[in-house]
Amino acid sequence: MEPHFTTFGALLGLAIAILGVVKRYPASYSLIVGAIVGGFVGSRDLDATFAAAFAGASGMCPSALRILTSGALAGALVKTGAARKLGQTIVDRLGEGQAIAAIAISTCLLCAVGVFIDVAVITASPIALAISRRVGISRSVALFAMIGGGKAGNIVSPNPNTLVAAAAFDVDVSSLIARNLIPALFGIFATIFIASKFMKKFTDRVAEEGSQIGEASELPSLFASLIGPLTIVVLLSLRPLAKISIDPLIALPIGGVVCILTTKNRARTVEYMEYGLSKVVWVAALIVAVGTISGVIKDSSLVGDAERLLAVLKLPTFALAPISGIFMAGAAASTVGGVSIASEAFAETLISSEVSPLASAATLHAGATVIDSLPHGSFFHATGGAVHMAFQDRVKILPYEIAIGCVLVATSTAIYGLFAW
């Protein structure tokens, strides 16, 4: 069937959405406006535009529901102190002599167990700042270690971006997580190496204020902190191990409830779940809004033009997955937004080209970590604010965190694309 919309219309819609985000309009509204304007310009048909936008949005509803339920886990981990306990344990076990590794691994672990990457950085920042002050490493190095570790953890976590990619390519979440374990390890090693060898020029030391870690007595035990995330791992592993399918829609909130109960916070269950819900509502709204513009893109000639461009450049079809992840995440300045747009727009093309759905999802997901933290997105500002960093200093870290994203996507593409493991 011939596409309803032109490539120009699709790109115009995407440009309008990006401009709206840059100008600090709500991202969801920017995406919807971009979809409507781009669709109309690309077809001169409002009915076709609305139909494509609604179809795209409805296709994102399952992912939005899973994201809403993931708030129960995020709220439990953060509010019970379980996330802080996990991070602090890593730091204590590795010691101050391995400060950079401790900061990177603790943030990676927080993301890997289901904490959103921006929340993970904010949660780990008091620990990172305190250890940085004690051993004399710079604030910039500490933030980079958290971001690098967070990016590595983000591609092996049951976070919204993973859920969206798994749904779009119709693959098992636990299998997708397992696919990017090796790239995540490379990302951790690269973070530690770059921070230790190439960031010595940063000398912005951490002051006393705002760098204290909460007392260990205020935090739950390590066992109580781990049991919730472990419950999720077990439930999601039942499908590949025992052919019992437990959807993340169920597994994630069960893990959150278990975390609340084992940390002896049953009386505050409603409070913690409401907190978690407040952190994911905007993500769910963003996902539905992303569906509107991805519906227009999917029904445009942009997809075919992208395939033809790959042919002209003599690139294999599987390159469409990481490349689309990179550019769409950069456009949205969001891992979730980038994965959503790219996977919804190109999943069908990749699958029909007989590219492995699991490999496509893994490489696209990894690609979305490269330039997802540009200044027109919230992650850039949230992470800078977590360590009280000025805008111009935060910009200086961007090339280094982009390098980590490049390591992740290069490793994932080499393993699952070039060598088709």
Foldseek 3Di string as FASTA:
>chain_A
DAFQFAPQLLVQLLVQLLVCLLVPHQSLVSLLVSQQRSNCVGHVDNVVSVVLLQVLLVLLQVLLLLLLLLLLQQLLLQVQCLLVVQLVVLDVVVDLVLLLLSLLQSLLVSLLLRHQLLVSLLSSLLVLQQSCQVVVDALLLSLLSNLLSSLLSNQQHPHSLLSLLCSLLVHQSNLLNVLLNVLSVLSSVLSSCCSVPPVPVHRHHRDPPPRHDDDPVSHADNCLSVQLSVQLVVQSVCCVPPVDDDDSSPSSNVSSVSSCVSSPNVVCSVVSSVVSSVVRVSVSSSLSSLSSSLSSLLSYCSQVVVVVVCVVVVHDPLVLLLVQLQVQLLSSLALNSSSSSSSSNCSVVCVVVVQDSSLSSNLNSLSNQQNSNDPSDDSLVSSCVSRVHDPVSSVVCNVVSNVSSVSSNVVSCVVCPVVND
